[in-house]
N, C-alpha and C. Protein backbone atom coordinates (compact mmCIF):
# COMPACT_ATOMS: atom_id res chain seq x y z
N MET A 1 -1.80 -16.06 -12.74
CA MET A 1 -1.17 -15.21 -11.81
C MET A 1 -0.99 -13.70 -12.59
N LYS A 2 -1.33 -12.82 -11.74
CA LYS A 2 -1.29 -11.30 -12.28
C LYS A 2 -0.02 -10.66 -11.49
N GLY A 3 1.02 -10.45 -12.39
CA GLY A 3 2.32 -9.94 -11.62
C GLY A 3 2.95 -9.01 -12.41
N SER A 4 4.02 -8.55 -11.81
CA SER A 4 4.97 -7.56 -12.54
C SER A 4 6.21 -8.27 -13.00
N SER A 5 6.51 -7.92 -14.11
CA SER A 5 7.62 -8.71 -14.90
C SER A 5 8.87 -7.77 -15.05
N LEU A 6 10.06 -8.27 -14.80
CA LEU A 6 11.22 -7.70 -15.07
C LEU A 6 12.08 -8.43 -15.82
N ASN A 7 12.78 -7.93 -16.92
CA ASN A 7 13.60 -8.72 -17.91
C ASN A 7 15.02 -8.50 -17.49
N THR A 8 15.86 -9.42 -17.29
CA THR A 8 17.28 -9.36 -16.96
C THR A 8 17.92 -10.17 -18.00
N HIS A 9 19.45 -10.01 -18.04
CA HIS A 9 20.23 -10.85 -18.91
C HIS A 9 20.07 -12.35 -18.65
N LEU A 10 19.60 -12.77 -17.34
CA LEU A 10 19.44 -14.13 -17.22
C LEU A 10 18.17 -14.67 -17.49
N GLY A 11 17.11 -13.75 -17.68
CA GLY A 11 15.72 -14.34 -17.97
C GLY A 11 14.77 -13.31 -17.33
N ASN A 12 13.55 -13.80 -17.21
CA ASN A 12 12.46 -12.89 -16.62
C ASN A 12 12.30 -13.36 -15.23
N ILE A 13 11.97 -12.25 -14.58
CA ILE A 13 11.42 -12.31 -13.11
C ILE A 13 10.07 -11.78 -13.02
N ILE A 14 9.16 -12.62 -12.48
CA ILE A 14 7.56 -12.12 -12.32
C ILE A 14 7.40 -12.06 -10.75
N ILE A 15 6.93 -10.83 -10.46
CA ILE A 15 6.63 -10.69 -8.97
C ILE A 15 4.98 -10.76 -8.97
N ASP A 16 4.45 -11.49 -8.22
CA ASP A 16 2.88 -11.54 -8.04
C ASP A 16 2.58 -10.19 -7.40
N ASN A 17 1.43 -9.47 -7.92
CA ASN A 17 1.02 -8.21 -7.30
C ASN A 17 0.64 -8.34 -5.75
N GLU A 18 0.04 -9.57 -5.48
CA GLU A 18 -0.15 -9.79 -4.09
C GLU A 18 1.01 -9.72 -3.27
N VAL A 19 2.21 -10.18 -3.60
CA VAL A 19 3.42 -10.11 -2.97
C VAL A 19 3.83 -8.59 -2.76
N ILE A 20 3.58 -7.74 -3.83
CA ILE A 20 4.06 -6.38 -3.72
C ILE A 20 3.13 -5.73 -2.78
N ALA A 21 1.78 -6.05 -2.84
CA ALA A 21 0.80 -5.53 -1.90
C ALA A 21 1.05 -5.84 -0.46
N GLN A 22 1.47 -7.09 -0.24
CA GLN A 22 1.69 -7.52 1.16
C GLN A 22 3.05 -6.73 1.70
N TYR A 23 3.95 -6.57 0.83
CA TYR A 23 5.25 -5.91 1.42
C TYR A 23 4.84 -4.44 1.54
N ALA A 24 4.12 -3.80 0.51
CA ALA A 24 3.79 -2.34 0.83
C ALA A 24 2.88 -2.26 2.05
N GLY A 25 2.08 -3.08 2.21
CA GLY A 25 1.16 -2.98 3.45
C GLY A 25 1.93 -3.02 4.82
N SER A 26 2.74 -4.01 4.80
CA SER A 26 3.70 -4.13 6.01
C SER A 26 4.68 -2.81 6.24
N VAL A 27 5.00 -2.30 5.19
CA VAL A 27 5.86 -0.93 5.25
C VAL A 27 4.82 0.16 5.82
N ALA A 28 3.69 0.20 5.18
CA ALA A 28 2.69 1.36 5.59
C ALA A 28 2.20 1.29 6.89
N VAL A 29 1.94 -0.05 7.53
CA VAL A 29 1.56 0.17 8.91
C VAL A 29 2.59 0.35 9.96
N GLU A 30 3.89 0.46 9.54
CA GLU A 30 4.97 0.72 10.40
C GLU A 30 5.09 2.25 10.39
N CYS A 31 4.57 2.99 9.49
CA CYS A 31 4.68 4.49 9.41
C CYS A 31 3.83 5.04 10.50
N PHE A 32 4.35 6.12 11.13
CA PHE A 32 3.74 6.95 12.21
C PHE A 32 2.38 7.44 11.73
N GLY A 33 1.33 7.21 12.61
CA GLY A 33 0.11 7.82 12.25
C GLY A 33 -0.88 6.86 11.52
N ILE A 34 -0.39 5.79 11.09
CA ILE A 34 -1.22 4.90 10.34
C ILE A 34 -1.60 3.92 11.34
N VAL A 35 -3.06 3.83 11.46
CA VAL A 35 -3.48 2.72 12.53
C VAL A 35 -3.69 1.29 11.58
N GLY A 36 -3.92 1.42 10.42
CA GLY A 36 -4.06 0.16 9.52
C GLY A 36 -4.69 0.31 8.25
N MET A 37 -4.80 -0.71 7.48
CA MET A 37 -5.34 -0.60 6.24
C MET A 37 -7.03 -0.81 6.40
N ALA A 38 -7.65 -0.23 5.48
CA ALA A 38 -9.24 -0.12 5.58
C ALA A 38 -9.70 -1.08 4.52
N GLY A 39 -10.87 -1.68 5.00
CA GLY A 39 -11.57 -2.59 3.95
C GLY A 39 -13.00 -2.06 3.85
N PHE A 40 -13.46 -1.95 2.70
CA PHE A 40 -14.68 -1.39 2.41
C PHE A 40 -15.82 -2.44 1.94
N SER A 41 -16.86 -2.41 2.62
CA SER A 41 -17.79 -3.52 2.40
C SER A 41 -18.94 -2.83 1.41
N VAL A 42 -19.02 -3.40 0.28
CA VAL A 42 -20.16 -2.76 -0.77
C VAL A 42 -21.44 -3.10 -0.23
N LYS A 43 -21.56 -4.26 0.42
CA LYS A 43 -22.97 -4.72 0.76
C LYS A 43 -23.62 -3.77 1.82
N ASN A 44 -22.95 -3.38 2.85
CA ASN A 44 -23.54 -2.48 3.78
C ASN A 44 -22.79 -1.12 3.79
N GLY A 45 -21.85 -0.91 2.85
CA GLY A 45 -21.18 0.42 2.91
C GLY A 45 -20.43 0.94 4.09
N LEU A 46 -19.88 -0.06 4.94
CA LEU A 46 -19.18 0.21 6.26
C LEU A 46 -17.58 -0.02 5.78
N VAL A 47 -16.81 0.81 6.50
CA VAL A 47 -15.40 0.88 6.38
C VAL A 47 -14.87 -0.02 7.72
N ARG A 48 -14.04 -0.96 7.65
CA ARG A 48 -13.48 -1.62 8.74
C ARG A 48 -11.97 -1.64 8.78
N LEU A 49 -11.45 -1.71 9.89
CA LEU A 49 -9.99 -1.95 10.00
C LEU A 49 -9.58 -3.38 9.81
N LEU A 50 -8.84 -3.56 8.68
CA LEU A 50 -8.27 -4.96 8.45
C LEU A 50 -7.32 -5.41 9.38
N LYS A 51 -7.16 -6.78 9.69
CA LYS A 51 -6.27 -7.46 10.42
C LYS A 51 -5.03 -7.40 9.73
N SER A 52 -3.91 -7.75 10.44
CA SER A 52 -2.59 -7.81 9.75
C SER A 52 -2.44 -8.99 8.75
N ASP A 53 -3.24 -9.80 8.74
CA ASP A 53 -3.18 -11.09 7.74
C ASP A 53 -3.94 -10.84 6.53
N SER A 54 -4.71 -9.68 6.53
CA SER A 54 -5.46 -9.34 5.35
C SER A 54 -5.21 -7.97 4.91
N LEU A 55 -3.90 -7.55 4.98
CA LEU A 55 -3.62 -6.04 4.56
C LEU A 55 -3.66 -5.84 3.06
N THR A 56 -3.61 -6.90 2.30
CA THR A 56 -3.58 -6.72 0.78
C THR A 56 -4.94 -6.15 0.26
N LYS A 57 -5.96 -6.34 1.06
CA LYS A 57 -7.32 -6.04 0.67
C LYS A 57 -7.38 -4.61 0.67
N GLY A 58 -6.63 -3.81 1.29
CA GLY A 58 -6.73 -2.35 1.49
C GLY A 58 -5.70 -1.65 0.48
N ILE A 59 -5.05 -2.55 -0.36
CA ILE A 59 -4.04 -1.89 -1.38
C ILE A 59 -4.38 -2.46 -2.72
N ASN A 60 -4.15 -1.65 -3.76
CA ASN A 60 -4.50 -2.01 -5.04
C ASN A 60 -3.10 -1.75 -5.92
N VAL A 61 -2.73 -2.78 -6.60
CA VAL A 61 -1.39 -2.73 -7.30
C VAL A 61 -1.74 -2.68 -8.85
N THR A 62 -1.09 -1.77 -9.61
CA THR A 62 -1.38 -1.87 -10.93
C THR A 62 0.15 -1.47 -11.63
N LEU A 63 0.25 -2.19 -12.69
CA LEU A 63 1.44 -1.96 -13.57
C LEU A 63 1.32 -1.43 -14.82
N ASN A 64 1.74 -0.24 -15.21
CA ASN A 64 1.69 0.34 -16.48
C ASN A 64 3.08 0.86 -17.03
N ASN A 65 3.38 0.43 -18.27
CA ASN A 65 4.74 0.93 -18.76
C ASN A 65 5.87 0.48 -17.90
N ASN A 66 5.88 -0.48 -17.30
CA ASN A 66 6.88 -1.01 -16.28
C ASN A 66 7.10 0.13 -15.09
N LYS A 67 5.95 0.66 -14.64
CA LYS A 67 5.97 1.50 -13.41
C LYS A 67 4.78 1.14 -12.54
N LEU A 68 4.92 1.05 -11.29
CA LEU A 68 3.86 0.73 -10.39
C LEU A 68 3.01 1.90 -10.01
N THR A 69 1.76 1.69 -9.82
CA THR A 69 0.74 2.53 -9.19
C THR A 69 0.17 1.84 -7.98
N LEU A 70 0.26 2.54 -6.76
CA LEU A 70 -0.34 1.91 -5.51
C LEU A 70 -1.44 2.71 -5.01
N ASP A 71 -2.44 2.08 -4.73
CA ASP A 71 -3.57 2.77 -3.97
C ASP A 71 -3.75 2.22 -2.68
N PHE A 72 -3.66 3.15 -1.65
CA PHE A 72 -3.73 2.68 -0.25
C PHE A 72 -5.01 3.22 0.37
N HIS A 73 -5.88 2.41 0.89
CA HIS A 73 -6.98 2.69 1.71
C HIS A 73 -6.66 2.55 3.31
N VAL A 74 -6.38 3.67 3.89
CA VAL A 74 -5.89 3.72 5.28
C VAL A 74 -6.72 4.21 6.37
N ILE A 75 -6.58 3.92 7.60
CA ILE A 75 -7.18 4.57 8.66
C ILE A 75 -6.04 5.26 9.52
N VAL A 76 -6.38 6.57 9.79
CA VAL A 76 -5.23 7.24 10.31
C VAL A 76 -5.43 7.51 11.87
N ALA A 77 -4.44 7.74 12.63
CA ALA A 77 -4.81 8.02 14.19
C ALA A 77 -5.36 9.38 14.27
N TYR A 78 -6.17 9.58 15.20
CA TYR A 78 -6.88 10.90 15.53
C TYR A 78 -5.81 11.86 16.06
N GLY A 79 -5.94 13.04 15.64
CA GLY A 79 -4.90 14.16 16.15
C GLY A 79 -3.70 14.28 15.42
N VAL A 80 -3.39 13.52 14.44
CA VAL A 80 -2.23 13.56 13.65
C VAL A 80 -2.53 14.36 12.35
N SER A 81 -1.47 15.02 11.83
CA SER A 81 -1.63 15.69 10.46
C SER A 81 -1.75 14.73 9.41
N ILE A 82 -2.91 14.80 8.73
CA ILE A 82 -2.89 13.78 7.62
C ILE A 82 -1.91 13.90 6.43
N LEU A 83 -1.66 15.30 6.25
CA LEU A 83 -0.47 15.59 5.37
C LEU A 83 0.78 14.98 5.70
N ALA A 84 1.16 15.12 6.95
CA ALA A 84 2.41 14.70 7.31
C ALA A 84 2.48 13.20 7.41
N VAL A 85 1.38 12.60 7.81
CA VAL A 85 1.35 11.17 7.72
C VAL A 85 1.39 10.60 6.22
N SER A 86 0.69 11.25 5.22
CA SER A 86 0.74 10.85 3.90
C SER A 86 2.11 11.02 3.26
N ASP A 87 2.82 12.21 3.66
CA ASP A 87 4.14 12.33 3.03
C ASP A 87 5.04 11.34 3.54
N ASN A 88 4.96 10.89 4.89
CA ASN A 88 5.85 9.96 5.40
C ASN A 88 5.50 8.54 4.71
N LEU A 89 4.32 8.19 4.58
CA LEU A 89 3.85 7.05 4.03
C LEU A 89 4.40 6.84 2.62
N ILE A 90 4.18 7.94 1.84
CA ILE A 90 4.80 7.97 0.49
C ILE A 90 6.26 7.78 0.38
N SER A 91 6.90 8.50 1.11
CA SER A 91 8.54 8.57 0.98
C SER A 91 8.79 7.04 1.35
N ASN A 92 8.38 6.44 2.54
CA ASN A 92 8.72 5.13 3.04
C ASN A 92 8.49 4.16 2.07
N VAL A 93 7.20 4.06 1.50
CA VAL A 93 6.62 3.04 0.67
C VAL A 93 7.55 3.11 -0.70
N LYS A 94 7.62 4.42 -1.26
CA LYS A 94 8.32 4.51 -2.43
C LYS A 94 9.83 3.97 -2.35
N TYR A 95 10.58 4.39 -1.41
CA TYR A 95 11.81 3.81 -1.15
C TYR A 95 12.02 2.31 -1.01
N LYS A 96 11.20 1.67 -0.13
CA LYS A 96 11.30 0.45 0.24
C LYS A 96 10.89 -0.42 -0.83
N VAL A 97 9.75 -0.19 -1.38
CA VAL A 97 9.26 -1.09 -2.48
C VAL A 97 9.99 -0.99 -3.73
N GLU A 98 10.59 0.14 -4.05
CA GLU A 98 11.47 0.17 -5.27
C GLU A 98 12.69 -0.55 -4.97
N GLU A 99 13.32 -0.48 -3.75
CA GLU A 99 14.47 -1.39 -3.52
C GLU A 99 14.22 -2.84 -3.51
N PHE A 100 12.90 -3.20 -2.90
CA PHE A 100 12.47 -4.63 -2.97
C PHE A 100 12.30 -5.22 -4.10
N THR A 101 11.54 -4.50 -5.09
CA THR A 101 11.14 -5.08 -6.36
C THR A 101 12.20 -4.74 -7.65
N GLY A 102 12.74 -3.50 -7.45
CA GLY A 102 13.48 -3.16 -8.53
C GLY A 102 12.67 -2.40 -9.67
N ILE A 103 11.39 -2.15 -9.25
CA ILE A 103 10.50 -1.67 -10.25
C ILE A 103 10.19 -0.12 -9.77
N LYS A 104 10.32 0.97 -10.50
CA LYS A 104 10.11 2.24 -10.24
C LYS A 104 8.43 2.39 -9.96
N ILE A 105 8.21 3.23 -9.00
CA ILE A 105 6.78 3.70 -8.61
C ILE A 105 6.53 4.93 -9.35
N GLU A 106 5.43 4.97 -10.07
CA GLU A 106 4.94 6.13 -10.73
C GLU A 106 4.03 7.01 -9.89
N LYS A 107 3.29 6.28 -9.18
CA LYS A 107 2.27 7.06 -8.50
C LYS A 107 1.80 6.25 -7.13
N ILE A 108 1.45 7.01 -6.02
CA ILE A 108 0.94 6.47 -4.84
C ILE A 108 -0.15 7.31 -4.54
N ASN A 109 -1.39 6.53 -4.48
CA ASN A 109 -2.68 7.37 -4.09
C ASN A 109 -2.92 6.80 -2.69
N ILE A 110 -3.30 7.90 -1.86
CA ILE A 110 -3.76 7.60 -0.49
C ILE A 110 -5.23 7.99 -0.24
N PHE A 111 -6.02 7.01 0.13
CA PHE A 111 -7.37 7.31 0.34
C PHE A 111 -7.68 7.15 1.85
N VAL A 112 -7.94 8.12 2.62
CA VAL A 112 -8.13 8.04 4.09
C VAL A 112 -9.59 7.73 4.33
N GLU A 113 -9.79 6.55 4.77
CA GLU A 113 -11.16 6.08 4.97
C GLU A 113 -11.73 6.27 6.23
N GLY A 114 -10.88 6.59 7.29
CA GLY A 114 -11.38 6.78 8.71
C GLY A 114 -10.24 7.21 9.58
N VAL A 115 -10.71 7.69 10.61
CA VAL A 115 -9.88 8.17 11.90
C VAL A 115 -10.19 7.33 13.01
N ARG A 116 -9.27 6.88 13.90
CA ARG A 116 -9.45 6.19 14.95
C ARG A 116 -8.53 6.86 16.18
N VAL A 117 -9.12 6.80 17.27
CA VAL A 117 -8.55 7.11 18.42
C VAL A 117 -7.60 5.97 18.85
N ILE A 118 -6.40 6.04 19.23
CA ILE A 118 -5.50 5.00 19.58
C ILE A 118 -5.10 5.22 21.06
N ASP A 119 -5.05 4.17 21.79
CA ASP A 119 -4.58 4.17 23.36
C ASP A 119 -3.04 4.44 23.38
């Protein structure tokens, strides 16, 4: 199990990176302008919109010096400001994931993989 560890006076708490990615993904798709997470196929070079049950494939979680780095591969809605969407995503994810895990976030990287028109 690859996870993030917290040491408390009562013992160790280990949070699997998959759990952090799932929570961060659910927070991200609630943000205005985010259509969903993007999955990249190395085989044919195509980017596809991931279903809600596989959000974690669009997020990479790493832990360095007890701080998290999150990489998001997202698809944004057509006609919205990518800068505004990114700022909203960063602030929401940073606040909610830090509250959820108790681990500080060092960096959030956003890779916009596509744009979709939504109805």
